[in-house]
Amino acid sequence: MNTRKIFNGLYSFLLAMRRSGTTTLIKEISSKHDVYVLVSSERDKELFGESALSFSELSRSAGLPLKPVLVDNSTLLRLCESAANEIDRLDDGLNAQRELVKSIKDLIIRFENANCIHDNAR
């Protein structure tokens, strides 16, 4: 299965599960247990209190004590959306490169034909 399909499938599934009680369950677990809750923004940290770690804090997470990690659906949705956007951006770049290579090959062939240059190795 290709990566785009995986992220799109996960995104659709999580979107359908938005009101399933995941956040409430994670809040309850994090209030009773010593865990980290991965959130996508500083605003979301308010939901989970001291247990919350935002994306921006992950780069400074070296040395933190080992604890279980929980991830809320909204955080996974943002990760999937970000990954899908990055895949699209990379695909666009690859398509542009392919078009450029094709264009250069066509120009070379036209130049060779116009100047009676024939390469039998092709």
PDB file of N, CA and C in Angstrom:
ATOM      1  N   MET A   1       0.855  -1.181   0.000  1.00  0.00           N
ATOM      2  CA  MET A   1       0.000   0.000   0.000  1.00  0.00           C
ATOM      3  C   MET A   1       0.896   1.238   0.000  1.00  0.00           C
ATOM      4  N   ASN A   2       0.546   2.230  -0.805  1.00  0.00           N
ATOM      5  CA  ASN A   2       1.411   3.395  -0.856  1.00  0.00           C
ATOM      6  C   ASN A   2       1.144   4.350   0.309  1.00  0.00           C
ATOM      7  N   THR A   3       2.110   5.163   0.581  1.00  0.00           N
ATOM      8  CA  THR A   3       2.081   6.046   1.749  1.00  0.00           C
ATOM      9  C   THR A   3       0.900   7.007   1.711  1.00  0.00           C
ATOM     10  N   ARG A   4       0.615   7.559   0.543  1.00  0.00           N
ATOM     11  CA  ARG A   4      -0.504   8.507   0.435  1.00  0.00           C
ATOM     12  C   ARG A   4      -1.816   7.830   0.838  1.00  0.00           C
ATOM     13  N   LYS A   5      -2.029   6.591   0.384  1.00  0.00           N
ATOM     14  CA  LYS A   5      -3.258   5.877   0.731  1.00  0.00           C
ATOM     15  C   LYS A   5      -3.328   5.604   2.230  1.00  0.00           C
ATOM     16  N   ILE A   6      -2.197   5.269   2.829  1.00  0.00           N
ATOM     17  CA  ILE A   6      -2.170   5.017   4.275  1.00  0.00           C
ATOM     18  C   ILE A   6      -2.570   6.267   5.039  1.00  0.00           C
ATOM     19  N   PHE A   7      -1.940   7.406   4.712  1.00  0.00           N
ATOM     20  CA  PHE A   7      -2.266   8.645   5.421  1.00  0.00           C
ATOM     21  C   PHE A   7      -3.697   9.100   5.154  1.00  0.00           C
ATOM     22  N   ASN A   8      -4.163   8.966   3.917  1.00  0.00           N
ATOM     23  CA  ASN A   8      -5.540   9.350   3.612  1.00  0.00           C
ATOM     24  C   ASN A   8      -6.536   8.451   4.345  1.00  0.00           C
ATOM     25  N   GLY A   9      -6.242   7.154   4.392  1.00  0.00           N
ATOM     26  CA  GLY A   9      -7.114   6.224   5.117  1.00  0.00           C
ATOM     27  C   GLY A   9      -7.142   6.513   6.600  1.00  0.00           C
ATOM     28  N   LEU A  10      -5.971   6.753   7.178  1.00  0.00           N
ATOM     29  CA  LEU A  10      -5.893   7.074   8.600  1.00  0.00           C
ATOM     30  C   LEU A  10      -6.611   8.383   8.893  1.00  0.00           C
ATOM     31  N   TYR A  11      -6.416   9.375   8.023  1.00  0.00           N
ATOM     32  CA  TYR A  11      -7.070  10.671   8.205  1.00  0.00           C
ATOM     33  C   TYR A  11      -8.593  10.511   8.178  1.00  0.00           C
ATOM     34  N   SER A  12      -9.104   9.777   7.198  1.00  0.00           N
ATOM     35  CA  SER A  12     -10.554   9.562   7.085  1.00  0.00           C
ATOM     36  C   SER A  12     -11.095   8.834   8.309  1.00  0.00           C
ATOM     37  N   PHE A  13     -10.376   7.819   8.755  1.00  0.00           N
ATOM     38  CA  PHE A  13     -10.800   7.055   9.931  1.00  0.00           C
ATOM     39  C   PHE A  13     -10.851   7.955  11.170  1.00  0.00           C
ATOM     40  N   LEU A  14      -9.780   8.721  11.390  1.00  0.00           N
ATOM     41  CA  LEU A  14      -9.731   9.587  12.569  1.00  0.00           C
ATOM     42  C   LEU A  14     -10.790  10.682  12.503  1.00  0.00           C
ATOM     43  N   LEU A  15     -11.041  11.194  11.316  1.00  0.00           N
ATOM     44  CA  LEU A  15     -12.072  12.215  11.151  1.00  0.00           C
ATOM     45  C   LEU A  15     -13.439  11.644  11.523  1.00  0.00           C
ATOM     46  N   ALA A  16     -13.693  10.410  11.114  1.00  0.00           N
ATOM     47  CA  ALA A  16     -14.965   9.758  11.439  1.00  0.00           C
ATOM     48  C   ALA A  16     -15.094   9.474  12.943  1.00  0.00           C
ATOM     49  N   MET A  17     -13.967   9.329  13.622  1.00  0.00           N
ATOM     50  CA  MET A  17     -13.965   8.991  15.054  1.00  0.00           C
ATOM     51  C   MET A  17     -13.874  10.219  15.966  1.00  0.00           C
ATOM     52  N   ARG A  18     -14.062  11.400  15.421  1.00  0.00           N
ATOM     53  CA  ARG A  18     -13.812  12.631  16.178  1.00  0.00           C
ATOM     54  C   ARG A  18     -14.602  12.735  17.468  1.00  0.00           C
ATOM     55  N   ARG A  19     -15.784  12.305  17.524  1.00  0.00           N
ATOM     56  CA  ARG A  19     -16.608  12.429  18.735  1.00  0.00           C
ATOM     57  C   ARG A  19     -16.738  11.099  19.468  1.00  0.00           C
ATOM     58  N   SER A  20     -15.692  10.279  19.407  1.00  0.00           N
ATOM     59  CA  SER A  20     -15.758   8.930  19.982  1.00  0.00           C
ATOM     60  C   SER A  20     -15.352   8.876  21.452  1.00  0.00           C
ATOM     61  N   GLY A  21     -14.886   9.981  22.017  1.00  0.00           N
ATOM     62  CA  GLY A  21     -14.510   9.996  23.425  1.00  0.00           C
ATOM     63  C   GLY A  21     -13.027   9.779  23.690  1.00  0.00           C
ATOM     64  N   THR A  22     -12.220   9.785  22.662  1.00  0.00           N
ATOM     65  CA  THR A  22     -10.788   9.548  22.833  1.00  0.00           C
ATOM     66  C   THR A  22     -10.146  10.603  23.726  1.00  0.00           C
ATOM     67  N   THR A  23     -10.448  11.867  23.486  1.00  0.00           N
ATOM     68  CA  THR A  23      -9.849  12.941  24.278  1.00  0.00           C
ATOM     69  C   THR A  23     -10.243  12.808  25.745  1.00  0.00           C
ATOM     70  N   THR A  24     -11.502  12.517  25.995  1.00  0.00           N
ATOM     71  CA  THR A  24     -11.972  12.344  27.370  1.00  0.00           C
ATOM     72  C   THR A  24     -11.246  11.183  28.043  1.00  0.00           C
ATOM     73  N   LEU A  25     -11.089  10.084  27.327  1.00  0.00           N
ATOM     74  CA  LEU A  25     -10.395   8.922  27.876  1.00  0.00           C
ATOM     75  C   LEU A  25      -8.932   9.250  28.156  1.00  0.00           C
ATOM     76  N   ILE A  26      -8.271   9.942  27.225  1.00  0.00           N
ATOM     77  CA  ILE A  26      -6.861  10.298  27.423  1.00  0.00           C
ATOM     78  C   ILE A  26      -6.720  11.265  28.602  1.00  0.00           C
ATOM     79  N   LYS A  27      -7.663  12.211  28.744  1.00  0.00           N
ATOM     80  CA  LYS A  27      -7.636  13.130  29.892  1.00  0.00           C
ATOM     81  C   LYS A  27      -7.724  12.348  31.197  1.00  0.00           C
ATOM     82  N   GLU A  28      -8.629  11.384  31.235  1.00  0.00           N
ATOM     83  CA  GLU A  28      -8.817  10.581  32.439  1.00  0.00           C
ATOM     84  C   GLU A  28      -7.555   9.761  32.753  1.00  0.00           C
ATOM     85  N   ILE A  29      -7.005   9.122  31.736  1.00  0.00           N
ATOM     86  CA  ILE A  29      -5.797   8.313  31.937  1.00  0.00           C
ATOM     87  C   ILE A  29      -4.637   9.191  32.389  1.00  0.00           C
ATOM     88  N   SER A  30      -4.457  10.346  31.735  1.00  0.00           N
ATOM     89  CA  SER A  30      -3.316  11.203  32.078  1.00  0.00           C
ATOM     90  C   SER A  30      -3.463  11.838  33.453  1.00  0.00           C
ATOM     91  N   SER A  31      -4.687  11.982  33.934  1.00  0.00           N
ATOM     92  CA  SER A  31      -4.869  12.546  35.279  1.00  0.00           C
ATOM     93  C   SER A  31      -4.575  11.510  36.364  1.00  0.00           C
ATOM     94  N   LYS A  32      -4.677  10.228  36.017  1.00  0.00           N
ATOM     95  CA  LYS A  32      -4.475   9.157  37.002  1.00  0.00           C
ATOM     96  C   LYS A  32      -3.120   8.477  36.886  1.00  0.00           C
ATOM     97  N   HIS A  33      -2.431   8.669  35.754  1.00  0.00           N
ATOM     98  CA  HIS A  33      -1.177   7.965  35.518  1.00  0.00           C
ATOM     99  C   HIS A  33      -0.100   8.940  35.058  1.00  0.00           C
ATOM    100  N   ASP A  34       1.134   8.554  35.283  1.00  0.00           N
ATOM    101  CA  ASP A  34       2.275   9.383  34.887  1.00  0.00           C
ATOM    102  C   ASP A  34       2.635   9.064  33.444  1.00  0.00           C
ATOM    103  N   VAL A  35       2.056   9.830  32.523  1.00  0.00           N
ATOM    104  CA  VAL A  35       2.233   9.606  31.087  1.00  0.00           C
ATOM    105  C   VAL A  35       2.522  10.932  30.392  1.00  0.00           C
ATOM    106  N   TYR A  36       2.975  10.838  29.146  1.00  0.00           N
ATOM    107  CA  TYR A  36       3.063  12.010  28.273  1.00  0.00           C
ATOM    108  C   TYR A  36       1.879  11.950  27.319  1.00  0.00           C
ATOM    109  N   VAL A  37       1.341  13.107  27.002  1.00  0.00           N
ATOM    110  CA  VAL A  37       0.310  13.201  25.977  1.00  0.00           C
ATOM    111  C   VAL A  37       0.867  14.111  24.885  1.00  0.00           C
ATOM    112  N   LEU A  38       1.062  13.556  23.700  1.00  0.00           N
ATOM    113  CA  LEU A  38       1.600  14.333  22.586  1.00  0.00           C
ATOM    114  C   LEU A  38       0.481  15.159  21.962  1.00  0.00           C
ATOM    115  N   VAL A  39       0.691  16.469  21.924  1.00  0.00           N
ATOM    116  CA  VAL A  39      -0.289  17.392  21.343  1.00  0.00           C
ATOM    117  C   VAL A  39       0.404  18.207  20.262  1.00  0.00           C
ATOM    118  N   SER A  40      -0.398  18.760  19.354  1.00  0.00           N
ATOM    119  CA  SER A  40       0.197  19.447  18.214  1.00  0.00           C
ATOM    120  C   SER A  40       0.461  20.931  18.438  1.00  0.00           C
ATOM    121  N   SER A  41      -0.121  21.515  19.474  1.00  0.00           N
ATOM    122  CA  SER A  41       0.062  22.954  19.667  1.00  0.00           C
ATOM    123  C   SER A  41       0.053  23.309  21.154  1.00  0.00           C
ATOM    124  N   GLU A  42       0.525  24.499  21.427  1.00  0.00           N
ATOM    125  CA  GLU A  42       0.533  24.993  22.806  1.00  0.00           C
ATOM    126  C   GLU A  42      -0.899  25.116  23.333  1.00  0.00           C
ATOM    127  N   ARG A  43      -1.817  25.492  22.454  1.00  0.00           N
ATOM    128  CA  ARG A  43      -3.226  25.634  22.855  1.00  0.00           C
ATOM    129  C   ARG A  43      -3.782  24.296  23.353  1.00  0.00           C
ATOM    130  N   ASP A  44      -3.411  23.202  22.670  1.00  0.00           N
ATOM    131  CA  ASP A  44      -3.902  21.880  23.060  1.00  0.00           C
ATOM    132  C   ASP A  44      -3.316  21.400  24.382  1.00  0.00           C
ATOM    133  N   LYS A  45      -2.189  21.983  24.788  1.00  0.00           N
ATOM    134  CA  LYS A  45      -1.566  21.585  26.055  1.00  0.00           C
ATOM    135  C   LYS A  45      -2.493  21.857  27.228  1.00  0.00           C
ATOM    136  N   GLU A  46      -3.323  22.879  27.114  1.00  0.00           N
ATOM    137  CA  GLU A  46      -4.249  23.219  28.198  1.00  0.00           C
ATOM    138  C   GLU A  46      -5.202  22.070  28.513  1.00  0.00           C
ATOM    139  N   LEU A  47      -5.537  21.271  27.514  1.00  0.00           N
ATOM    140  CA  LEU A  47      -6.461  20.148  27.717  1.00  0.00           C
ATOM    141  C   LEU A  47      -5.893  19.082  28.643  1.00  0.00           C
ATOM    142  N   PHE A  48      -4.565  18.881  28.580  1.00  0.00           N
ATOM    143  CA  PHE A  48      -3.962  17.751  29.278  1.00  0.00           C
ATOM    144  C   PHE A  48      -3.017  18.142  30.406  1.00  0.00           C
ATOM    145  N   GLY A  49      -2.864  19.414  30.641  1.00  0.00           N
ATOM    146  CA  GLY A  49      -2.055  19.878  31.758  1.00  0.00           C
ATOM    147  C   GLY A  49      -0.588  19.511  31.645  1.00  0.00           C
ATOM    148  N   GLU A  50      -0.004  19.151  32.778  1.00  0.00           N
ATOM    149  CA  GLU A  50       1.437  18.890  32.856  1.00  0.00           C
ATOM    150  C   GLU A  50       1.880  17.672  32.042  1.00  0.00           C
ATOM    151  N   SER A  51       0.953  16.796  31.710  1.00  0.00           N
ATOM    152  CA  SER A  51       1.289  15.599  30.940  1.00  0.00           C
ATOM    153  C   SER A  51       1.602  15.910  29.484  1.00  0.00           C
ATOM    154  N   ALA A  52       1.141  17.065  29.014  1.00  0.00           N
ATOM    155  CA  ALA A  52       1.206  17.381  27.588  1.00  0.00           C
ATOM    156  C   ALA A  52       2.597  17.786  27.128  1.00  0.00           C
ATOM    157  N   LEU A  53       2.955  17.296  25.945  1.00  0.00           N
ATOM    158  CA  LEU A  53       4.168  17.697  25.223  1.00  0.00           C
ATOM    159  C   LEU A  53       3.748  18.134  23.837  1.00  0.00           C
ATOM    160  N   SER A  54       4.115  19.348  23.451  1.00  0.00           N
ATOM    161  CA  SER A  54       3.761  19.821  22.114  1.00  0.00           C
ATOM    162  C   SER A  54       4.848  19.435  21.118  1.00  0.00           C
ATOM    163  N   PHE A  55       4.511  19.522  19.839  1.00  0.00           N
ATOM    164  CA  PHE A  55       5.482  19.223  18.785  1.00  0.00           C
ATOM    165  C   PHE A  55       6.748  20.057  18.965  1.00  0.00           C
ATOM    166  N   SER A  56       6.558  21.318  19.309  1.00  0.00           N
ATOM    167  CA  SER A  56       7.721  22.205  19.440  1.00  0.00           C
ATOM    168  C   SER A  56       8.635  21.782  20.589  1.00  0.00           C
ATOM    169  N   GLU A  57       8.112  21.097  21.571  1.00  0.00           N
ATOM    170  CA  GLU A  57       8.926  20.636  22.701  1.00  0.00           C
ATOM    171  C   GLU A  57       9.672  19.337  22.424  1.00  0.00           C
ATOM    172  N   LEU A  58       9.300  18.634  21.378  1.00  0.00           N
ATOM    173  CA  LEU A  58       9.934  17.344  21.101  1.00  0.00           C
ATOM    174  C   LEU A  58      11.423  17.473  20.830  1.00  0.00           C
ATOM    175  N   SER A  59      11.827  18.579  20.231  1.00  0.00           N
ATOM    176  CA  SER A  59      13.258  18.755  19.943  1.00  0.00           C
ATOM    177  C   SER A  59      14.068  18.936  21.223  1.00  0.00           C
ATOM    178  N   ARG A  60      13.393  19.284  22.304  1.00  0.00           N
ATOM    179  CA  ARG A  60      14.080  19.456  23.593  1.00  0.00           C
ATOM    180  C   ARG A  60      13.728  18.332  24.574  1.00  0.00           C
ATOM    181  N   SER A  61      13.325  17.184  24.038  1.00  0.00           N
ATOM    182  CA  SER A  61      12.852  16.110  24.898  1.00  0.00           C
ATOM    183  C   SER A  61      13.953  15.167  25.390  1.00  0.00           C
ATOM    184  N   ALA A  62      15.177  15.364  24.946  1.00  0.00           N
ATOM    185  CA  ALA A  62      16.274  14.494  25.397  1.00  0.00           C
ATOM    186  C   ALA A  62      16.417  14.599  26.914  1.00  0.00           C
ATOM    187  N   GLY A  63      16.530  13.480  27.549  1.00  0.00           N
ATOM    188  CA  GLY A  63      16.724  13.460  28.982  1.00  0.00           C
ATOM    189  C   GLY A  63      15.439  13.394  29.791  1.00  0.00           C
ATOM    190  N   LEU A  64      14.300  13.431  29.136  1.00  0.00           N
ATOM    191  CA  LEU A  64      13.045  13.299  29.870  1.00  0.00           C
ATOM    192  C   LEU A  64      12.913  11.867  30.387  1.00  0.00           C
ATOM    193  N   PRO A  65      12.283  11.706  31.532  1.00  0.00           N
ATOM    194  CA  PRO A  65      12.098  10.346  32.057  1.00  0.00           C
ATOM    195  C   PRO A  65      11.232   9.497  31.116  1.00  0.00           C
ATOM    196  N   LEU A  66      11.465   8.203  31.116  1.00  0.00           N
ATOM    197  CA  LEU A  66      10.668   7.296  30.298  1.00  0.00           C
ATOM    198  C   LEU A  66       9.269   7.164  30.885  1.00  0.00           C
ATOM    199  N   LYS A  67       8.270   7.380  30.029  1.00  0.00           N
ATOM    200  CA  LYS A  67       6.861   7.245  30.410  1.00  0.00           C
ATOM    201  C   LYS A  67       6.105   6.783  29.168  1.00  0.00           C
ATOM    202  N   PRO A  68       4.948   6.166  29.377  1.00  0.00           N
ATOM    203  CA  PRO A  68       4.103   5.849  28.221  1.00  0.00           C
ATOM    204  C   PRO A  68       3.682   7.137  27.507  1.00  0.00           C
ATOM    205  N   VAL A  69       3.464   7.033  26.190  1.00  0.00           N
ATOM    206  CA  VAL A  69       3.073   8.193  25.393  1.00  0.00           C
ATOM    207  C   VAL A  69       1.683   7.936  24.805  1.00  0.00           C
ATOM    208  N   LEU A  70       0.796   8.893  25.002  1.00  0.00           N
ATOM    209  CA  LEU A  70      -0.543   8.835  24.423  1.00  0.00           C
ATOM    210  C   LEU A  70      -0.652   9.930  23.364  1.00  0.00           C
ATOM    211  N   VAL A  71      -1.410   9.659  22.318  1.00  0.00           N
ATOM    212  CA  VAL A  71      -1.572  10.637  21.246  1.00  0.00           C
ATOM    213  C   VAL A  71      -3.063  10.806  20.976  1.00  0.00           C
ATOM    214  N   ASP A  72      -3.528  12.033  21.071  1.00  0.00           N
ATOM    215  CA  ASP A  72      -4.935  12.339  20.844  1.00  0.00           C
ATOM    216  C   ASP A  72      -5.260  12.309  19.351  1.00  0.00           C
ATOM    217  N   ASN A  73      -6.524  12.030  19.010  1.00  0.00           N
ATOM    218  CA  ASN A  73      -6.947  11.981  17.606  1.00  0.00           C
ATOM    219  C   ASN A  73      -6.657  13.273  16.864  1.00  0.00           C
ATOM    220  N   SER A  74      -6.887  14.414  17.492  1.00  0.00           N
ATOM    221  CA  SER A  74      -6.655  15.687  16.793  1.00  0.00           C
ATOM    222  C   SER A  74      -5.181  15.861  16.440  1.00  0.00           C
ATOM    223  N   THR A  75      -4.302  15.349  17.282  1.00  0.00           N
ATOM    224  CA  THR A  75      -2.870  15.409  16.999  1.00  0.00           C
ATOM    225  C   THR A  75      -2.535  14.502  15.816  1.00  0.00           C
ATOM    226  N   LEU A  76      -3.109  13.312  15.805  1.00  0.00           N
ATOM    227  CA  LEU A  76      -2.890  12.399  14.679  1.00  0.00           C
ATOM    228  C   LEU A  76      -3.460  12.975  13.383  1.00  0.00           C
ATOM    229  N   LEU A  77      -4.609  13.651  13.474  1.00  0.00           N
ATOM    230  CA  LEU A  77      -5.180  14.295  12.295  1.00  0.00           C
ATOM    231  C   LEU A  77      -4.218  15.332  11.733  1.00  0.00           C
ATOM    232  N   ARG A  78      -3.634  16.136  12.608  1.00  0.00           N
ATOM    233  CA  ARG A  78      -2.695  17.165  12.147  1.00  0.00           C
ATOM    234  C   ARG A  78      -1.438  16.545  11.547  1.00  0.00           C
ATOM    235  N   LEU A  79      -0.960  15.462  12.155  1.00  0.00           N
ATOM    236  CA  LEU A  79       0.204  14.770  11.597  1.00  0.00           C
ATOM    237  C   LEU A  79      -0.098  14.194  10.216  1.00  0.00           C
ATOM    238  N   CYS A  80      -1.254  13.574  10.065  1.00  0.00           N
ATOM    239  CA  CYS A  80      -1.645  13.008   8.766  1.00  0.00           C
ATOM    240  C   CYS A  80      -1.778  14.106   7.722  1.00  0.00           C
ATOM    241  N   GLU A  81      -2.409  15.202   8.101  1.00  0.00           N
ATOM    242  CA  GLU A  81      -2.582  16.315   7.169  1.00  0.00           C
ATOM    243  C   GLU A  81      -1.229  16.886   6.745  1.00  0.00           C
ATOM    244  N   SER A  82      -0.349  17.043   7.712  1.00  0.00           N
ATOM    245  CA  SER A  82       0.990  17.561   7.423  1.00  0.00           C
ATOM    246  C   SER A  82       1.757  16.604   6.511  1.00  0.00           C
ATOM    247  N   ALA A  83       1.679  15.310   6.797  1.00  0.00           N
ATOM    248  CA  ALA A  83       2.373  14.314   5.974  1.00  0.00           C
ATOM    249  C   ALA A  83       1.808  14.296   4.558  1.00  0.00           C
ATOM    250  N   ALA A  84       0.488  14.353   4.422  1.00  0.00           N
ATOM    251  CA  ALA A  84      -0.131  14.349   3.099  1.00  0.00           C
ATOM    252  C   ALA A  84       0.285  15.594   2.308  1.00  0.00           C
ATOM    253  N   ASN A  85       0.329  16.736   2.971  1.00  0.00           N
ATOM    254  CA  ASN A  85       0.769  17.966   2.299  1.00  0.00           C
ATOM    255  C   ASN A  85       2.221  17.865   1.843  1.00  0.00           C
ATOM    256  N   GLU A  86       3.066  17.267   2.676  1.00  0.00           N
ATOM    257  CA  GLU A  86       4.478  17.100   2.317  1.00  0.00           C
ATOM    258  C   GLU A  86       4.632  16.138   1.137  1.00  0.00           C
ATOM    259  N   ILE A  87       3.849  15.068   1.131  1.00  0.00           N
ATOM    260  CA  ILE A  87       3.877  14.116   0.015  1.00  0.00           C
ATOM    261  C   ILE A  87       3.457  14.824  -1.275  1.00  0.00           C
ATOM    262  N   ASP A  88       2.405  15.632  -1.187  1.00  0.00           N
ATOM    263  CA  ASP A  88       1.953  16.381  -2.367  1.00  0.00           C
ATOM    264  C   ASP A  88       3.030  17.347  -2.853  1.00  0.00           C
ATOM    265  N   ARG A  89       3.672  18.033  -1.920  1.00  0.00           N
ATOM    266  CA  ARG A  89       4.733  18.979  -2.279  1.00  0.00           C
ATOM    267  C   ARG A  89       5.886  18.257  -2.981  1.00  0.00           C
ATOM    268  N   LEU A  90       6.283  17.098  -2.437  1.00  0.00           N
ATOM    269  CA  LEU A  90       7.364  16.320  -3.046  1.00  0.00           C
ATOM    270  C   LEU A  90       6.955  15.790  -4.421  1.00  0.00           C
ATOM    271  N   ASP A  91       5.723  15.331  -4.548  1.00  0.00           N
ATOM    272  CA  ASP A  91       5.228  14.860  -5.848  1.00  0.00           C
ATOM    273  C   ASP A  91       5.255  15.981  -6.883  1.00  0.00           C
ATOM    274  N   ASP A  92       4.827  17.170  -6.472  1.00  0.00           N
ATOM    275  CA  ASP A  92       4.847  18.311  -7.386  1.00  0.00           C
ATOM    276  C   ASP A  92       6.271  18.604  -7.845  1.00  0.00           C
ATOM    277  N   GLY A  93       7.213  18.537  -6.921  1.00  0.00           N
ATOM    278  CA  GLY A  93       8.616  18.765  -7.268  1.00  0.00           C
ATOM    279  C   GLY A  93       9.141  17.708  -8.224  1.00  0.00           C
ATOM    280  N   LEU A  94       8.800  16.444  -7.976  1.00  0.00           N
ATOM    281  CA  LEU A  94       9.227  15.363  -8.877  1.00  0.00           C
ATOM    282  C   LEU A  94       8.611  15.516 -10.261  1.00  0.00           C
ATOM    283  N   ASN A  95       7.341  15.878 -10.310  1.00  0.00           N
ATOM    284  CA  ASN A  95       6.685  16.072 -11.611  1.00  0.00           C
ATOM    285  C   ASN A  95       7.328  17.221 -12.374  1.00  0.00           C
ATOM    286  N   ALA A  96       7.671  18.283 -11.680  1.00  0.00           N
ATOM    287  CA  ALA A  96       8.340  19.414 -12.333  1.00  0.00           C
ATOM    288  C   ALA A  96       9.706  18.989 -12.876  1.00  0.00           C
ATOM    289  N   GLN A  97      10.444  18.172 -12.107  1.00  0.00           N
ATOM    290  CA  GLN A  97      11.743  17.684 -12.572  1.00  0.00           C
ATOM    291  C   GLN A  97      11.580  16.785 -13.792  1.00  0.00           C
ATOM    292  N   ARG A  98      10.582  15.910 -13.762  1.00  0.00           N
ATOM    293  CA  ARG A  98      10.332  15.029 -14.918  1.00  0.00           C
ATOM    294  C   ARG A  98      10.034  15.844 -16.172  1.00  0.00           C
ATOM    295  N   GLU A  99       9.202  16.859 -16.013  1.00  0.00           N
ATOM    296  CA  GLU A  99       8.871  17.721 -17.147  1.00  0.00           C
ATOM    297  C   GLU A  99      10.112  18.442 -17.675  1.00  0.00           C
ATOM    298  N   LEU A 100      10.961  18.892 -16.765  1.00  0.00           N
ATOM    299  CA  LEU A 100      12.192  19.579 -17.161  1.00  0.00           C
ATOM    300  C   LEU A 100      13.119  18.638 -17.926  1.00  0.00           C
ATOM    301  N   VAL A 101      13.290  17.414 -17.422  1.00  0.00           N
ATOM    302  CA  VAL A 101      14.145  16.426 -18.101  1.00  0.00           C
ATOM    303  C   VAL A 101      13.576  16.111 -19.484  1.00  0.00           C
ATOM    304  N   LYS A 102      12.263  15.919 -19.583  1.00  0.00           N
ATOM    305  CA  LYS A 102      11.631  15.640 -20.874  1.00  0.00           C
ATOM    306  C   LYS A 102      11.839  16.815 -21.822  1.00  0.00           C
ATOM    307  N   SER A 103      11.689  17.998 -21.324  1.00  0.00           N
ATOM    308  CA  SER A 103      11.868  19.198 -22.137  1.00  0.00           C
ATOM    309  C   SER A 103      13.310  19.307 -22.653  1.00  0.00           C
ATOM    310  N   ILE A 104      14.275  19.025 -21.786  1.00  0.00           N
ATOM    311  CA  ILE A 104      15.690  19.069 -22.183  1.00  0.00           C
ATOM    312  C   ILE A 104      15.976  18.002 -23.243  1.00  0.00           C
ATOM    313  N   LYS A 105      15.451  16.790 -23.051  1.00  0.00           N
ATOM    314  CA  LYS A 105      15.647  15.724 -24.042  1.00  0.00           C
ATOM    315  C   LYS A 105      15.066  16.123 -25.387  1.00  0.00           C
ATOM    316  N   ASP A 106      13.863  16.710 -25.365  1.00  0.00           N
ATOM    317  CA  ASP A 106      13.237  17.147 -26.615  1.00  0.00           C
ATOM    318  C   ASP A 106      14.080  18.219 -27.302  1.00  0.00           C
ATOM    319  N   LEU A 107      14.627  19.148 -26.534  1.00  0.00           N
ATOM    320  CA  LEU A 107      15.478  20.194 -27.112  1.00  0.00           C
ATOM    321  C   LEU A 107      16.752  19.613 -27.719  1.00  0.00           C
ATOM    322  N   ILE A 108      17.333  18.629 -27.055  1.00  0.00           N
ATOM    323  CA  ILE A 108      18.540  17.982 -27.572  1.00  0.00           C
ATOM    324  C   ILE A 108      18.227  17.288 -28.888  1.00  0.00           C
ATOM    325  N   ILE A 109      17.120  16.566 -28.929  1.00  0.00           N
ATOM    326  CA  ILE A 109      16.737  15.850 -30.151  1.00  0.00           C
ATOM    327  C   ILE A 109      16.492  16.839 -31.283  1.00  0.00           C
ATOM    328  N   ARG A 110      15.796  17.936 -31.005  1.00  0.00           N
ATOM    329  CA  ARG A 110      15.552  18.945 -32.051  1.00  0.00           C
ATOM    330  C   ARG A 110      16.863  19.569 -32.536  1.00  0.00           C
ATOM    331  N   PHE A 111      17.768  19.830 -31.596  1.00  0.00           N
ATOM    332  CA  PHE A 111      19.074  20.397 -31.963  1.00  0.00           C
ATOM    333  C   PHE A 111      19.840  19.420 -32.852  1.00  0.00           C
ATOM    334  N   GLU A 112      19.879  18.152 -32.432  1.00  0.00           N
ATOM    335  CA  GLU A 112      20.592  17.136 -33.221  1.00  0.00           C
ATOM    336  C   GLU A 112      19.984  16.992 -34.608  1.00  0.00           C
ATOM    337  N   ASN A 113      18.667  16.965 -34.681  1.00  0.00           N
ATOM    338  CA  ASN A 113      17.996  16.830 -35.980  1.00  0.00           C
ATOM    339  C   ASN A 113      18.255  18.055 -36.862  1.00  0.00           C
ATOM    340  N   ALA A 114      18.234  19.228 -36.263  1.00  0.00           N
ATOM    341  CA  ALA A 114      18.464  20.459 -37.037  1.00  0.00           C
ATOM    342  C   ALA A 114      19.898  20.549 -37.535  1.00  0.00           C
ATOM    343  N   ASN A 115      20.817  19.937 -36.844  1.00  0.00           N
ATOM    344  CA  ASN A 115      22.238  20.008 -37.196  1.00  0.00           C
ATOM    345  C   ASN A 115      22.762  18.695 -37.768  1.00  0.00           C
ATOM    346  N   CYS A 116      21.862  17.834 -38.156  1.00  0.00           N
ATOM    347  CA  CYS A 116      22.213  16.528 -38.745  1.00  0.00           C
ATOM    348  C   CYS A 116      23.208  15.743 -37.894  1.00  0.00           C
ATOM    349  N   ILE A 117      22.994  15.784 -36.596  1.00  0.00           N
ATOM    350  CA  ILE A 117      23.829  15.004 -35.674  1.00  0.00           C
ATOM    351  C   ILE A 117      23.038  13.759 -35.316  1.00  0.00           C
ATOM    352  N   HIS A 118      23.620  12.610 -35.586  1.00  0.00           N
ATOM    353  CA  HIS A 118      22.906  11.362 -35.321  1.00  0.00           C
ATOM    354  C   HIS A 118      23.734  10.499 -34.381  1.00  0.00           C
ATOM    355  N   ASP A 119      23.112  10.083 -33.332  1.00  0.00           N
ATOM    356  CA  ASP A 119      23.781   9.216 -32.345  1.00  0.00           C
ATOM    357  C   ASP A 119      23.133   7.851 -32.458  1.00  0.00           C
ATOM    358  N   ASN A 120      23.840   6.908 -33.078  1.00  0.00           N
ATOM    359  CA  ASN A 120      23.294   5.565 -33.264  1.00  0.00           C
ATOM    360  C   ASN A 120      23.265   4.765 -31.965  1.00  0.00           C
ATOM    361  N   ALA A 121      23.871   5.294 -30.909  1.00  0.00           N
ATOM    362  CA  ALA A 121      23.903   4.570 -29.636  1.00  0.00           C
ATOM    363  C   ALA A 121      22.543   4.601 -28.938  1.00  0.00           C
ATOM    364  N   ARG A 122      21.682   5.545 -29.333  1.00  0.00           N
ATOM    365  CA  ARG A 122      20.370   5.638 -28.677  1.00  0.00           C
ATOM    366  C   ARG A 122      19.423   4.614 -29.148  1.00  0.00           C
TER     367      ARG A 122
END
